[in-house]
């Protein structure tokens, strides 16, 4: 199955602990297969997912529910 990757920018600056928690939470979303976080880039996430209607908007919705302000930079 073909995977898609989306690059997400989060407005808030996050520390390593917060990035790890966000990565774990997003990894539990249906159709998300991998989340890459980099503490050297505290605003950015790469999320790999199976093609599915509602994604990547579902990812942004999850981040919003966590009180974060995020945008898709590329997919």
PDB file of N, CA and C in Angstrom:
ATOM      1  N   UNK A   1       0.841  -1.180   0.000  1.00  0.00           N
ATOM      2  CA  UNK A   1       0.000   0.000   0.000  1.00  0.00           C
ATOM      3  C   UNK A   1       0.888   1.246   0.000  1.00  0.00           C
ATOM      4  N   UNK A   2       0.501   2.203  -0.800  1.00  0.00           N
ATOM      5  CA  UNK A   2       1.244   3.451  -0.893  1.00  0.00           C
ATOM      6  C   UNK A   2       0.980   4.327   0.332  1.00  0.00           C
ATOM      7  N   UNK A   3       2.030   4.924   0.859  1.00  0.00           N
ATOM      8  CA  UNK A   3       1.912   5.818   2.014  1.00  0.00           C
ATOM      9  C   UNK A   3       2.069   7.262   1.566  1.00  0.00           C
ATOM     10  N   UNK A   4       1.506   8.151   2.340  1.00  0.00           N
ATOM     11  CA  UNK A   4       1.658   9.587   2.125  1.00  0.00           C
ATOM     12  C   UNK A   4       2.371  10.170   3.329  1.00  0.00           C
ATOM     13  N   UNK A   5       3.113  11.234   3.099  1.00  0.00           N
ATOM     14  CA  UNK A   5       3.792  11.931   4.183  1.00  0.00           C
ATOM     15  C   UNK A   5       3.376  13.391   4.141  1.00  0.00           C
ATOM     16  N   UNK A   6       3.108  13.926   5.308  1.00  0.00           N
ATOM     17  CA  UNK A   6       2.741  15.332   5.413  1.00  0.00           C
ATOM     18  C   UNK A   6       3.703  16.009   6.386  1.00  0.00           C
ATOM     19  N   UNK A   7       4.153  17.196   5.989  1.00  0.00           N
ATOM     20  CA  UNK A   7       5.045  18.013   6.814  1.00  0.00           C
ATOM     21  C   UNK A   7       4.174  19.045   7.507  1.00  0.00           C
ATOM     22  N   UNK A   8       4.198  19.052   8.833  1.00  0.00           N
ATOM     23  CA  UNK A   8       3.350  19.941   9.629  1.00  0.00           C
ATOM     24  C   UNK A   8       4.215  20.880  10.447  1.00  0.00           C
ATOM     25  N   UNK A   9       3.847  22.150  10.417  1.00  0.00           N
ATOM     26  CA  UNK A   9       4.519  23.174  11.222  1.00  0.00           C
ATOM     27  C   UNK A   9       3.588  23.560  12.372  1.00  0.00           C
ATOM     28  N   UNK A  10       4.125  23.535  13.594  1.00  0.00           N
ATOM     29  CA  UNK A  10       3.377  23.932  14.790  1.00  0.00           C
ATOM     30  C   UNK A  10       3.900  25.291  15.237  1.00  0.00           C
ATOM     31  N   UNK A  11       2.986  26.235  15.459  1.00  0.00           N
ATOM     32  CA  UNK A  11       3.385  27.590  15.843  1.00  0.00           C
ATOM     33  C   UNK A  11       4.111  27.627  17.179  1.00  0.00           C
ATOM     34  N   UNK A  12       3.654  26.824  18.125  1.00  0.00           N
ATOM     35  CA  UNK A  12       4.245  26.825  19.461  1.00  0.00           C
ATOM     36  C   UNK A  12       5.612  26.131  19.442  1.00  0.00           C
ATOM     37  N   UNK A  13       6.536  26.648  20.249  1.00  0.00           N
ATOM     38  CA  UNK A  13       7.828  25.978  20.391  1.00  0.00           C
ATOM     39  C   UNK A  13       7.690  24.918  21.474  1.00  0.00           C
ATOM     40  N   UNK A  14       8.098  23.708  21.151  1.00  0.00           N
ATOM     41  CA  UNK A  14       7.905  22.570  22.036  1.00  0.00           C
ATOM     42  C   UNK A  14       9.241  21.991  22.466  1.00  0.00           C
ATOM     43  N   UNK A  15       9.289  21.459  23.673  1.00  0.00           N
ATOM     44  CA  UNK A  15      10.513  20.798  24.119  1.00  0.00           C
ATOM     45  C   UNK A  15      10.450  19.314  23.744  1.00  0.00           C
ATOM     46  N   UNK A  16      11.538  18.603  23.997  1.00  0.00           N
ATOM     47  CA  UNK A  16      11.642  17.190  23.600  1.00  0.00           C
ATOM     48  C   UNK A  16      10.532  16.342  24.217  1.00  0.00           C
ATOM     49  N   UNK A  17      10.184  16.595  25.461  1.00  0.00           N
ATOM     50  CA  UNK A  17       9.134  15.822  26.138  1.00  0.00           C
ATOM     51  C   UNK A  17       7.782  16.055  25.461  1.00  0.00           C
ATOM     52  N   UNK A  18       7.484  17.298  25.145  1.00  0.00           N
ATOM     53  CA  UNK A  18       6.214  17.615  24.488  1.00  0.00           C
ATOM     54  C   UNK A  18       6.162  17.006  23.082  1.00  0.00           C
ATOM     55  N   UNK A  19       7.261  17.110  22.338  1.00  0.00           N
ATOM     56  CA  UNK A  19       7.303  16.525  21.001  1.00  0.00           C
ATOM     57  C   UNK A  19       7.080  15.018  21.054  1.00  0.00           C
ATOM     58  N   UNK A  20       7.697  14.362  22.015  1.00  0.00           N
ATOM     59  CA  UNK A  20       7.529  12.921  22.163  1.00  0.00           C
ATOM     60  C   UNK A  20       6.072  12.568  22.467  1.00  0.00           C
ATOM     61  N   UNK A  21       5.449  13.318  23.365  1.00  0.00           N
ATOM     62  CA  UNK A  21       4.043  13.062  23.713  1.00  0.00           C
ATOM     63  C   UNK A  21       3.132  13.269  22.504  1.00  0.00           C
ATOM     64  N   UNK A  22       3.386  14.311  21.726  1.00  0.00           N
ATOM     65  CA  UNK A  22       2.588  14.568  20.528  1.00  0.00           C
ATOM     66  C   UNK A  22       2.783  13.430  19.528  1.00  0.00           C
ATOM     67  N   UNK A  23       4.010  13.011  19.330  1.00  0.00           N
ATOM     68  CA  UNK A  23       4.281  11.909  18.415  1.00  0.00           C
ATOM     69  C   UNK A  23       3.557  10.638  18.809  1.00  0.00           C
ATOM     70  N   UNK A  24       3.563  10.319  20.104  1.00  0.00           N
ATOM     71  CA  UNK A  24       2.852   9.116  20.581  1.00  0.00           C
ATOM     72  C   UNK A  24       1.350   9.234  20.355  1.00  0.00           C
ATOM     73  N   UNK A  25       0.798  10.407  20.634  1.00  0.00           N
ATOM     74  CA  UNK A  25      -0.649  10.591  20.482  1.00  0.00           C
ATOM     75  C   UNK A  25      -1.059  10.499  19.011  1.00  0.00           C
ATOM     76  N   UNK A  26      -0.307  11.147  18.124  1.00  0.00           N
ATOM     77  CA  UNK A  26      -0.637  11.082  16.703  1.00  0.00           C
ATOM     78  C   UNK A  26      -0.461   9.679  16.153  1.00  0.00           C
ATOM     79  N   UNK A  27       0.494   8.930  16.674  1.00  0.00           N
ATOM     80  CA  UNK A  27       0.722   7.557  16.212  1.00  0.00           C
ATOM     81  C   UNK A  27      -0.470   6.647  16.482  1.00  0.00           C
ATOM     82  N   UNK A  28      -1.290   7.026  17.440  1.00  0.00           N
ATOM     83  CA  UNK A  28      -2.470   6.221  17.774  1.00  0.00           C
ATOM     84  C   UNK A  28      -3.667   6.512  16.872  1.00  0.00           C
ATOM     85  N   UNK A  29      -3.570   7.551  16.026  1.00  0.00           N
ATOM     86  CA  UNK A  29      -4.671   7.851  15.111  1.00  0.00           C
ATOM     87  C   UNK A  29      -4.786   6.759  14.054  1.00  0.00           C
ATOM     88  N   UNK A  30      -6.003   6.445  13.674  1.00  0.00           N
ATOM     89  CA  UNK A  30      -6.223   5.473  12.602  1.00  0.00           C
ATOM     90  C   UNK A  30      -5.529   5.947  11.337  1.00  0.00           C
ATOM     91  N   UNK A  31      -4.892   5.027  10.659  1.00  0.00           N
ATOM     92  CA  UNK A  31      -4.232   5.236   9.372  1.00  0.00           C
ATOM     93  C   UNK A  31      -2.892   5.961   9.469  1.00  0.00           C
ATOM     94  N   UNK A  32      -2.492   6.437  10.646  1.00  0.00           N
ATOM     95  CA  UNK A  32      -1.159   7.011  10.810  1.00  0.00           C
ATOM     96  C   UNK A  32      -0.187   5.872  11.071  1.00  0.00           C
ATOM     97  N   UNK A  33       0.881   5.825  10.282  1.00  0.00           N
ATOM     98  CA  UNK A  33       1.832   4.720  10.405  1.00  0.00           C
ATOM     99  C   UNK A  33       3.150   5.126  11.053  1.00  0.00           C
ATOM    100  N   UNK A  34       3.495   6.416  11.001  1.00  0.00           N
ATOM    101  CA  UNK A  34       4.754   6.853  11.597  1.00  0.00           C
ATOM    102  C   UNK A  34       4.704   8.362  11.833  1.00  0.00           C
ATOM    103  N   UNK A  35       5.314   8.786  12.922  1.00  0.00           N
ATOM    104  CA  UNK A  35       5.447  10.213  13.225  1.00  0.00           C
ATOM    105  C   UNK A  35       6.909  10.456  13.567  1.00  0.00           C
ATOM    106  N   UNK A  36       7.512  11.387  12.853  1.00  0.00           N
ATOM    107  CA  UNK A  36       8.904  11.742  13.120  1.00  0.00           C
ATOM    108  C   UNK A  36       8.953  13.127  13.736  1.00  0.00           C
ATOM    109  N   UNK A  37       9.586  13.219  14.888  1.00  0.00           N
ATOM    110  CA  UNK A  37       9.793  14.496  15.552  1.00  0.00           C
ATOM    111  C   UNK A  37      11.295  14.695  15.704  1.00  0.00           C
ATOM    112  N   UNK A  38      11.704  15.947  15.725  1.00  0.00           N
ATOM    113  CA  UNK A  38      13.122  16.271  15.821  1.00  0.00           C
ATOM    114  C   UNK A  38      13.262  17.425  16.790  1.00  0.00           C
ATOM    115  N   UNK A  39      13.873  17.181  17.943  1.00  0.00           N
ATOM    116  CA  UNK A  39      13.971  18.231  18.953  1.00  0.00           C
ATOM    117  C   UNK A  39      14.813  19.413  18.475  1.00  0.00           C
ATOM    118  N   UNK A  40      15.599  19.242  17.404  1.00  0.00           N
ATOM    119  CA  UNK A  40      16.355  20.357  16.832  1.00  0.00           C
ATOM    120  C   UNK A  40      15.467  21.257  15.986  1.00  0.00           C
ATOM    121  N   UNK A  41      14.312  20.758  15.606  1.00  0.00           N
ATOM    122  CA  UNK A  41      13.311  21.520  14.848  1.00  0.00           C
ATOM    123  C   UNK A  41      12.009  21.483  15.657  1.00  0.00           C
ATOM    124  N   UNK A  42      11.929  22.278  16.727  1.00  0.00           N
ATOM    125  CA  UNK A  42      10.821  22.138  17.688  1.00  0.00           C
ATOM    126  C   UNK A  42       9.443  22.556  17.166  1.00  0.00           C
ATOM    127  N   UNK A  43       9.370  22.954  15.918  1.00  0.00           N
ATOM    128  CA  UNK A  43       8.075  23.348  15.358  1.00  0.00           C
ATOM    129  C   UNK A  43       7.564  22.361  14.312  1.00  0.00           C
ATOM    130  N   UNK A  44       8.355  21.356  13.971  1.00  0.00           N
ATOM    131  CA  UNK A  44       8.052  20.550  12.792  1.00  0.00           C
ATOM    132  C   UNK A  44       7.836  19.074  13.086  1.00  0.00           C
ATOM    133  N   UNK A  45       6.885  18.497  12.346  1.00  0.00           N
ATOM    134  CA  UNK A  45       6.579  17.068  12.416  1.00  0.00           C
ATOM    135  C   UNK A  45       6.474  16.523  10.995  1.00  0.00           C
ATOM    136  N   UNK A  46       6.877  15.289  10.815  1.00  0.00           N
ATOM    137  CA  UNK A  46       6.598  14.549   9.592  1.00  0.00           C
ATOM    138  C   UNK A  46       5.697  13.395   9.988  1.00  0.00           C
ATOM    139  N   UNK A  47       4.564  13.288   9.320  1.00  0.00           N
ATOM    140  CA  UNK A  47       3.599  12.240   9.641  1.00  0.00           C
ATOM    141  C   UNK A  47       3.351  11.417   8.388  1.00  0.00           C
ATOM    142  N   UNK A  48       3.563  10.115   8.511  1.00  0.00           N
ATOM    143  CA  UNK A  48       3.291   9.192   7.411  1.00  0.00           C
ATOM    144  C   UNK A  48       1.960   8.500   7.685  1.00  0.00           C
ATOM    145  N   UNK A  49       1.156   8.391   6.631  1.00  0.00           N
ATOM    146  CA  UNK A  49      -0.163   7.798   6.826  1.00  0.00           C
ATOM    147  C   UNK A  49      -0.632   7.075   5.573  1.00  0.00           C
ATOM    148  N   UNK A  50      -1.531   6.130   5.788  1.00  0.00           N
ATOM    149  CA  UNK A  50      -2.184   5.439   4.687  1.00  0.00           C
ATOM    150  C   UNK A  50      -3.202   6.400   4.090  1.00  0.00           C
ATOM    151  N   UNK A  51      -3.352   6.385   2.752  1.00  0.00           N
ATOM    152  CA  UNK A  51      -4.356   7.264   2.147  1.00  0.00           C
ATOM    153  C   UNK A  51      -5.731   7.015   2.770  1.00  0.00           C
ATOM    154  N   UNK A  52      -6.360   8.096   3.203  1.00  0.00           N
ATOM    155  CA  UNK A  52      -7.667   7.984   3.827  1.00  0.00           C
ATOM    156  C   UNK A  52      -8.353   9.343   3.787  1.00  0.00           C
ATOM    157  N   UNK A  53      -9.620   9.322   3.454  1.00  0.00           N
ATOM    158  CA  UNK A  53     -10.396  10.570   3.464  1.00  0.00           C
ATOM    159  C   UNK A  53     -10.376  11.150   4.875  1.00  0.00           C
ATOM    160  N   UNK A  54     -10.146  12.424   4.974  1.00  0.00           N
ATOM    161  CA  UNK A  54     -10.118  13.061   6.285  1.00  0.00           C
ATOM    162  C   UNK A  54      -8.714  13.323   6.794  1.00  0.00           C
ATOM    163  N   UNK A  55      -7.733  12.684   6.192  1.00  0.00           N
ATOM    164  CA  UNK A  55      -6.349  12.958   6.552  1.00  0.00           C
ATOM    165  C   UNK A  55      -5.724  13.742   5.408  1.00  0.00           C
ATOM    166  N   UNK A  56      -4.933  14.745   5.669  1.00  0.00           N
ATOM    167  CA  UNK A  56      -4.297  15.118   6.916  1.00  0.00           C
ATOM    168  C   UNK A  56      -5.103  16.060   7.822  1.00  0.00           C
ATOM    169  N   UNK A  57      -6.320  16.434   7.421  1.00  0.00           N
ATOM    170  CA  UNK A  57      -7.098  17.352   8.255  1.00  0.00           C
ATOM    171  C   UNK A  57      -7.382  16.757   9.631  1.00  0.00           C
ATOM    172  N   UNK A  58      -7.532  15.458   9.728  1.00  0.00           N
ATOM    173  CA  UNK A  58      -7.733  14.810  11.022  1.00  0.00           C
ATOM    174  C   UNK A  58      -6.532  14.972  11.938  1.00  0.00           C
ATOM    175  N   UNK A  59      -5.345  15.017  11.336  1.00  0.00           N
ATOM    176  CA  UNK A  59      -4.126  15.227  12.116  1.00  0.00           C
ATOM    177  C   UNK A  59      -4.134  16.639  12.687  1.00  0.00           C
ATOM    178  N   UNK A  60      -4.479  17.625  11.836  1.00  0.00           N
ATOM    179  CA  UNK A  60      -4.549  19.011  12.317  1.00  0.00           C
ATOM    180  C   UNK A  60      -5.612  19.165  13.394  1.00  0.00           C
ATOM    181  N   UNK A  61      -6.725  18.481  13.237  1.00  0.00           N
ATOM    182  CA  UNK A  61      -7.793  18.533  14.237  1.00  0.00           C
ATOM    183  C   UNK A  61      -7.302  17.986  15.578  1.00  0.00           C
ATOM    184  N   UNK A  62      -6.546  16.892  15.536  1.00  0.00           N
ATOM    185  CA  UNK A  62      -6.011  16.304  16.767  1.00  0.00           C
ATOM    186  C   UNK A  62      -5.056  17.284  17.444  1.00  0.00           C
ATOM    187  N   UNK A  63      -4.197  17.921  16.662  1.00  0.00           N
ATOM    188  CA  UNK A  63      -3.266  18.899  17.225  1.00  0.00           C
ATOM    189  C   UNK A  63      -4.018  20.077  17.831  1.00  0.00           C
ATOM    190  N   UNK A  64      -5.062  20.521  17.160  1.00  0.00           N
ATOM    191  CA  UNK A  64      -5.884  21.622  17.667  1.00  0.00           C
ATOM    192  C   UNK A  64      -6.538  21.247  18.993  1.00  0.00           C
ATOM    193  N   UNK A  65      -6.989  20.001  19.114  1.00  0.00           N
ATOM    194  CA  UNK A  65      -7.621  19.551  20.353  1.00  0.00           C
ATOM    195  C   UNK A  65      -6.616  19.519  21.510  1.00  0.00           C
ATOM    196  N   UNK A  66      -5.322  19.518  21.166  1.00  0.00           N
ATOM    197  CA  UNK A  66      -4.265  19.541  22.165  1.00  0.00           C
ATOM    198  C   UNK A  66      -3.844  20.989  22.494  1.00  0.00           C
ATOM    199  N   UNK A  67      -4.571  21.955  21.906  1.00  0.00           N
ATOM    200  CA  UNK A  67      -4.270  23.359  22.169  1.00  0.00           C
ATOM    201  C   UNK A  67      -3.154  23.929  21.301  1.00  0.00           C
ATOM    202  N   UNK A  68      -2.814  23.215  20.225  1.00  0.00           N
ATOM    203  CA  UNK A  68      -1.733  23.661  19.352  1.00  0.00           C
ATOM    204  C   UNK A  68      -2.281  24.291  18.073  1.00  0.00           C
ATOM    205  N   UNK A  69      -1.494  25.172  17.511  1.00  0.00           N
ATOM    206  CA  UNK A  69      -1.844  25.837  16.254  1.00  0.00           C
ATOM    207  C   UNK A  69      -0.877  25.321  15.186  1.00  0.00           C
ATOM    208  N   UNK A  70      -1.409  24.576  14.221  1.00  0.00           N
ATOM    209  CA  UNK A  70      -0.558  23.911  13.240  1.00  0.00           C
ATOM    210  C   UNK A  70      -1.101  24.113  11.834  1.00  0.00           C
ATOM    211  N   UNK A  71      -0.189  24.012  10.864  1.00  0.00           N
ATOM    212  CA  UNK A  71      -0.538  24.117   9.455  1.00  0.00           C
ATOM    213  C   UNK A  71       0.210  23.050   8.680  1.00  0.00           C
ATOM    214  N   UNK A  72      -0.416  22.565   7.608  1.00  0.00           N
ATOM    215  CA  UNK A  72       0.245  21.657   6.684  1.00  0.00           C
ATOM    216  C   UNK A  72       1.133  22.499   5.792  1.00  0.00           C
ATOM    217  N   UNK A  73       2.423  22.163   5.768  1.00  0.00           N
ATOM    218  CA  UNK A  73       3.364  22.904   4.943  1.00  0.00           C
ATOM    219  C   UNK A  73       3.543  22.245   3.573  1.00  0.00           C
ATOM    220  N   UNK A  74       3.484  20.926   3.541  1.00  0.00           N
ATOM    221  CA  UNK A  74       3.543  20.193   2.275  1.00  0.00           C
ATOM    222  C   UNK A  74       3.065  18.773   2.520  1.00  0.00           C
ATOM    223  N   UNK A  75       2.626  18.164   1.446  1.00  0.00           N
ATOM    224  CA  UNK A  75       2.200  16.758   1.542  1.00  0.00           C
ATOM    225  C   UNK A  75       2.647  16.017   0.315  1.00  0.00           C
TER     226      UNK A  75
END
